[in-house]
C-alpha atoms as a PDB file:
ATOM      1  CA  MET A   1       0.118   0.012   0.195  1.00  0.00           C
ATOM      2  CA  GLN A   2       1.286   3.266  -1.389  1.00  0.00           C
ATOM      3  CA  ALA A   3       1.449   6.316   1.019  1.00  0.00           C
ATOM      4  CA  PRO A   4      -0.800   9.046  -0.284  1.00  0.00           C
ATOM      5  CA  LYS A   5       0.228  12.391  -0.823  1.00  0.00           C
ATOM      6  CA  PHE A   6      -0.901  15.161   1.954  1.00  0.00           C
ATOM      7  CA  ASP A   7      -3.311  17.853   0.455  1.00  0.00           C
ATOM      8  CA  THR A   8      -2.312  21.816   0.580  1.00  0.00           C
ATOM      9  CA  VAL A   9      -3.673  21.937   4.138  1.00  0.00           C
ATOM     10  CA  ALA A  10      -1.395  19.134   5.505  1.00  0.00           C
ATOM     11  CA  ALA A  11       1.833  20.685   3.913  1.00  0.00           C
ATOM     12  CA  HIS A  12       1.165  24.033   5.507  1.00  0.00           C
ATOM     13  CA  GLY A  13       1.019  22.216   9.076  1.00  0.00           C
ATOM     14  CA  GLU A  14      -2.409  23.132   9.797  1.00  0.00           C
ATOM     15  CA  VAL A  15      -3.390  19.592  10.065  1.00  0.00           C
ATOM     16  CA  ARG A  16      -1.667  16.537   9.655  1.00  0.00           C
ATOM     17  CA  GLN A  17      -2.526  12.429   8.602  1.00  0.00           C
ATOM     18  CA  TYR A  18      -1.768   9.914  11.130  1.00  0.00           C
ATOM     19  CA  LEU A  19      -2.020   6.335  10.815  1.00  0.00           C
ATOM     20  CA  SER A  20      -3.208   4.789  14.168  1.00  0.00           C
ATOM     21  CA  PHE A  21      -2.078   1.373  15.605  1.00  0.00           C
ATOM     22  CA  ARG A  22      -2.861  -0.867  18.509  1.00  0.00           C
ATOM     23  CA  LEU A  23      -0.143  -2.131  21.160  1.00  0.00           C
ATOM     24  CA  GLY A  24      -0.526  -3.700  24.118  1.00  0.00           C
ATOM     25  CA  GLY A  25      -4.289  -2.805  24.287  1.00  0.00           C
ATOM     26  CA  LEU A  26      -3.251   1.478  23.689  1.00  0.00           C
ATOM     27  CA  GLU A  27      -3.740   2.780  20.747  1.00  0.00           C
ATOM     28  CA  TYR A  28      -0.801   5.062  19.069  1.00  0.00           C
ATOM     29  CA  ALA A  29      -0.094   7.331  16.231  1.00  0.00           C
ATOM     30  CA  LEU A  30       2.452   8.454  14.028  1.00  0.00           C
ATOM     31  CA  ASP A  31       3.061  10.640  10.973  1.00  0.00           C
ATOM     32  CA  TYR A  32       1.703   9.232   7.865  1.00  0.00           C
ATOM     33  CA  SER A  33       4.752  10.900   6.104  1.00  0.00           C
ATOM     34  CA  ASN A  34       6.628   8.382   7.742  1.00  0.00           C
ATOM     35  CA  VAL A  35       4.815   5.350   6.166  1.00  0.00           C
ATOM     36  CA  GLN A  36       6.425   3.539   3.165  1.00  0.00           C
ATOM     37  CA  GLU A  37       4.028   0.602   3.141  1.00  0.00           C
ATOM     38  CA  LEU A  38       1.989  -1.128   5.248  1.00  0.00           C
ATOM     39  CA  ARG A  39       2.271  -5.323   5.315  1.00  0.00           C
ATOM     40  CA  PRO A  40       0.864  -8.370   7.485  1.00  0.00           C
ATOM     41  CA  LEU A  41       3.503 -10.212   9.041  1.00  0.00           C
ATOM     42  CA  LYS A  42       3.147 -13.097   7.271  1.00  0.00           C
ATOM     43  CA  ALA A  43       3.538 -11.577   3.772  1.00  0.00           C
ATOM     44  CA  LEU A  44       7.281 -10.173   4.525  1.00  0.00           C
ATOM     45  CA  GLU A  45      10.212 -12.046   3.186  1.00  0.00           C
ATOM     46  CA  ARG A  46      11.872 -12.818   6.415  1.00  0.00           C
ATOM     47  CA  PHE A  47      15.492 -14.239   6.115  1.00  0.00           C
ATOM     48  CA  ALA A  48      16.977 -14.173   9.316  1.00  0.00           C
ATOM     49  CA  ALA A  49      14.766 -13.736  12.964  1.00  0.00           C
ATOM     50  CA  ASP A  50      16.772 -13.919  15.819  1.00  0.00           C
ATOM     51  CA  GLY A  51      16.751 -11.859  18.417  1.00  0.00           C
ATOM     52  CA  GLU A  52      13.591 -10.691  21.270  1.00  0.00           C
ATOM     53  CA  ILE A  53      13.020  -7.208  20.101  1.00  0.00           C
ATOM     54  CA  VAL A  54      14.962  -6.989  16.597  1.00  0.00           C
ATOM     55  CA  GLN A  55      13.140 -10.261  15.165  1.00  0.00           C
ATOM     56  CA  GLY A  56      15.765 -10.268  12.301  1.00  0.00           C
ATOM     57  CA  VAL A  57      15.896  -8.647   8.840  1.00  0.00           C
ATOM     58  CA  ALA A  58      13.732  -8.739   6.002  1.00  0.00           C
ATOM     59  CA  VAL A  59      13.170  -7.981   2.415  1.00  0.00           C
ATOM     60  CA  SER A  60      10.505  -5.267   1.241  1.00  0.00           C
ATOM     61  CA  ARG A  61      10.855  -4.073  -2.016  1.00  0.00           C
ATOM     62  CA  GLY A  62      14.331  -5.081  -2.758  1.00  0.00           C
ATOM     63  CA  VAL A  63      15.519  -3.227   0.426  1.00  0.00           C
ATOM     64  CA  ILE A  64      17.031  -5.229   3.367  1.00  0.00           C
ATOM     65  CA  MET A  65      15.407  -3.530   6.379  1.00  0.00           C
ATOM     66  CA  PRO A  66      15.447  -4.732  10.401  1.00  0.00           C
ATOM     67  CA  ILE A  67      12.224  -5.491  11.912  1.00  0.00           C
ATOM     68  CA  VAL A  68      11.550  -4.311  15.394  1.00  0.00           C
ATOM     69  CA  ASP A  69       8.726  -6.192  16.839  1.00  0.00           C
ATOM     70  CA  MET A  70       7.180  -2.938  18.895  1.00  0.00           C
ATOM     71  CA  ARG A  71       5.170  -5.504  21.395  1.00  0.00           C
ATOM     72  CA  ILE A  72       7.666  -6.866  23.143  1.00  0.00           C
ATOM     73  CA  ALA A  73       9.285  -3.361  23.081  1.00  0.00           C
ATOM     74  CA  PHE A  74       5.790  -1.878  24.841  1.00  0.00           C
ATOM     75  CA  GLY A  75       4.593  -5.054  26.838  1.00  0.00           C
ATOM     76  CA  PRO A  76       4.811  -8.818  27.008  1.00  0.00           C
ATOM     77  CA  ARG A  77       4.921 -10.528  23.934  1.00  0.00           C
ATOM     78  CA  PRO A  78       1.791 -12.296  22.370  1.00  0.00           C
ATOM     79  CA  PRO A  79       2.319 -16.051  22.287  1.00  0.00           C
ATOM     80  CA  GLU A  80       2.355 -16.398  18.513  1.00  0.00           C
ATOM     81  CA  HIS A  81       1.326 -14.169  15.526  1.00  0.00           C
ATOM     82  CA  ASP A  82      -2.198 -13.746  14.669  1.00  0.00           C
ATOM     83  CA  PRO A  83      -4.173 -12.719  11.430  1.00  0.00           C
ATOM     84  CA  GLY A  84      -3.822  -8.973  12.904  1.00  0.00           C
ATOM     85  CA  THR A  85      -0.113  -8.851  12.911  1.00  0.00           C
ATOM     86  CA  ASP A  86       1.024  -5.889  11.068  1.00  0.00           C
ATOM     87  CA  VAL A  87       4.250  -4.159  10.079  1.00  0.00           C
ATOM     88  CA  ILE A  88       4.342  -0.830   9.418  1.00  0.00           C
ATOM     89  CA  ILE A  89       7.171  -0.021   6.916  1.00  0.00           C
ATOM     90  CA  LEU A  90       8.540   3.202   8.015  1.00  0.00           C
ATOM     91  CA  LYS A  91      10.889   5.786   6.419  1.00  0.00           C
ATOM     92  CA  LEU A  92      13.046   7.070   8.870  1.00  0.00           C
ATOM     93  CA  SER A  93      15.619  10.020   8.692  1.00  0.00           C
ATOM     94  CA  SER A  94      18.692   7.265   9.012  1.00  0.00           C
ATOM     95  CA  CYS A  95      16.874   4.055   7.328  1.00  0.00           C
ATOM     96  CA  VAL A  96      13.994   2.099   6.092  1.00  0.00           C
ATOM     97  CA  MET A  97      12.720  -0.716   9.063  1.00  0.00           C
ATOM     98  CA  GLY A  98       9.767  -2.420  10.003  1.00  0.00           C
ATOM     99  CA  MET A  99       7.393  -2.213  12.985  1.00  0.00           C
ATOM    100  CA  VAL A 100       5.668  -4.965  14.128  1.00  0.00           C
ATOM    101  CA  THR A 101       2.515  -4.070  15.759  1.00  0.00           C
ATOM    102  CA  ASP A 102      -0.903  -5.609  17.260  1.00  0.00           C
ATOM    103  CA  GLY A 103      -2.773  -4.273  14.431  1.00  0.00           C
ATOM    104  CA  ILE A 104      -3.576  -0.903  12.278  1.00  0.00           C
ATOM    105  CA  THR A 105      -6.083   0.991  13.428  1.00  0.00           C
ATOM    106  CA  ASP A 106      -6.837   3.698  10.461  1.00  0.00           C
ATOM    107  CA  ILE A 107      -5.921   6.986   9.339  1.00  0.00           C
ATOM    108  CA  VAL A 108      -7.007  10.167  11.394  1.00  0.00           C
ATOM    109  CA  SER A 109      -6.495  13.749  10.731  1.00  0.00           C
ATOM    110  CA  LEU A 110      -5.059  15.817  13.542  1.00  0.00           C
ATOM    111  CA  ALA A 111      -4.668  19.464  13.937  1.00  0.00           C
ATOM    112  CA  ARG A 112      -1.619  20.314  16.063  1.00  0.00           C
ATOM    113  CA  SER A 113      -4.068  21.948  18.647  1.00  0.00           C
ATOM    114  CA  GLN A 114      -5.780  18.400  18.942  1.00  0.00           C
ATOM    115  CA  ILE A 115      -2.331  17.218  20.408  1.00  0.00           C
ATOM    116  CA  LYS A 116      -2.165  18.053  24.144  1.00  0.00           C
ATOM    117  CA  PRO A 117       0.784  17.524  26.234  1.00  0.00           C
ATOM    118  CA  PHE A 118       0.716  14.635  28.839  1.00  0.00           C
ATOM    119  CA  PRO A 119      -0.925  15.375  32.067  1.00  0.00           C
ATOM    120  CA  ASN A 120       1.354  15.565  35.368  1.00  0.00           C
ATOM    121  CA  LEU A 121       4.338  14.443  33.250  1.00  0.00           C
ATOM    122  CA  SER A 122       7.804  15.898  34.913  1.00  0.00           C
ATOM    123  CA  ALA A 123      10.597  17.621  33.215  1.00  0.00           C
ATOM    124  CA  GLU A 124      12.844  14.797  33.703  1.00  0.00           C
ATOM    125  CA  ALA A 125       9.923  12.397  32.107  1.00  0.00           C
ATOM    126  CA  ALA A 126       9.325  14.393  29.489  1.00  0.00           C
ATOM    127  CA  ARG A 127      13.294  14.806  28.373  1.00  0.00           C
ATOM    128  CA  ASP A 128      13.635  10.744  28.789  1.00  0.00           C
ATOM    129  CA  ALA A 129      10.446  10.125  26.659  1.00  0.00           C
ATOM    130  CA  ASP A 130      10.764  13.332  23.945  1.00  0.00           C
ATOM    131  CA  TYR A 131       9.333  10.771  21.251  1.00  0.00           C
ATOM    132  CA  LEU A 132       6.380  11.302  23.150  1.00  0.00           C
ATOM    133  CA  LEU A 133       4.597  14.352  21.330  1.00  0.00           C
ATOM    134  CA  GLY A 134       1.297  13.942  23.597  1.00  0.00           C
ATOM    135  CA  LEU A 135      -2.305  12.927  23.781  1.00  0.00           C
ATOM    136  CA  ALA A 136      -5.167  13.820  21.231  1.00  0.00           C
ATOM    137  CA  GLU A 137      -8.519  12.691  21.191  1.00  0.00           C
ATOM    138  CA  THR A 138     -11.006  12.366  18.353  1.00  0.00           C
ATOM    139  CA  GLY A 139     -14.456  10.757  18.972  1.00  0.00           C
ATOM    140  CA  GLU A 140     -13.854   8.727  21.800  1.00  0.00           C
ATOM    141  CA  ARG A 141     -10.691   7.619  20.926  1.00  0.00           C
ATOM    142  CA  ARG A 142      -7.433   8.325  22.839  1.00  0.00           C
ATOM    143  CA  LEU A 143      -4.249   8.300  20.670  1.00  0.00           C
ATOM    144  CA  ILE A 144      -0.634   8.879  22.270  1.00  0.00           C
ATOM    145  CA  VAL A 145       0.811  10.410  19.167  1.00  0.00           C
ATOM    146  CA  LEU A 146       4.116   9.517  18.580  1.00  0.00           C
ATOM    147  CA  ASP A 147       7.623  10.969  16.880  1.00  0.00           C
ATOM    148  CA  ILE A 148       8.592   7.742  15.141  1.00  0.00           C
ATOM    149  CA  ASP A 149      11.939   9.100  14.371  1.00  0.00           C
ATOM    150  CA  ARG A 150      13.066   9.970  17.545  1.00  0.00           C
ATOM    151  CA  LEU A 151      11.690   6.486  19.089  1.00  0.00           C
ATOM    152  CA  MET A 152      13.184   4.368  16.711  1.00  0.00           C
ATOM    153  CA  ALA A 153      16.398   6.256  17.273  1.00  0.00           C
ATOM    154  CA  ILE A 154      19.712   4.422  18.552  1.00  0.00           C
ATOM    155  CA  ARG A 155      20.357   6.303  21.816  1.00  0.00           C
ATOM    156  CA  ARG A 156      23.527   6.350  24.273  1.00  0.00           C
ATOM    157  CA  VAL A 157      22.370   5.401  27.953  1.00  0.00           C
ATOM    158  CA  ASN A 158      23.961   7.241  30.856  1.00  0.00           C
ATOM    159  CA  LEU A 159      24.469   4.707  32.978  1.00  0.00           C
ATOM    160  CA  GLY A 160      25.011   7.355  36.127  1.00  0.00           C
ATOM    161  CA  SER A 161      21.434   8.479  35.780  1.00  0.00           C
ATOM    162  CA  ARG A 162      19.360   5.285  35.272  1.00  0.00           C
ATOM    163  CA  HIS A 163      16.827   3.921  38.381  1.00  0.00           C
ATOM    164  CA  ALA A 164      15.930   0.804  39.747  1.00  0.00           C
ATOM    165  CA  ALA A 165      12.125   0.186  38.704  1.00  0.00           C
END
């Protein structure tokens, strides 16, 4: 599935399209301009599968890319892949990669004003989770809006600042 072109309003930043998806019982959204294609997990040609969060590598349109299972990163892993297991092929600033989710919900249009900051989030937590853009409500749905480039970026961990859980 090809990503559609944004209309003129979206290009000016007033309203953007977001792809919503499910992970661990919550609904998330990411900017649709980062989506290259959507695929069922079983349709990907995977030729290496080793690791917990990084599920290996796959080929899509001749591009070799890592596959990250976000179901593990965001909570306990389901025992098996089911028909609703989807992969979002992402075009990031540094690479192309696949992201396994519990399922894709739909595409929503959101204005910046609809994305509100997280309540009761300390400055330190906000700095550590800079990939969380905020919460958006559309109808009766609450979406956690992500900056997928920041979320998927490789980060250096300062061991001195780690806290016990």
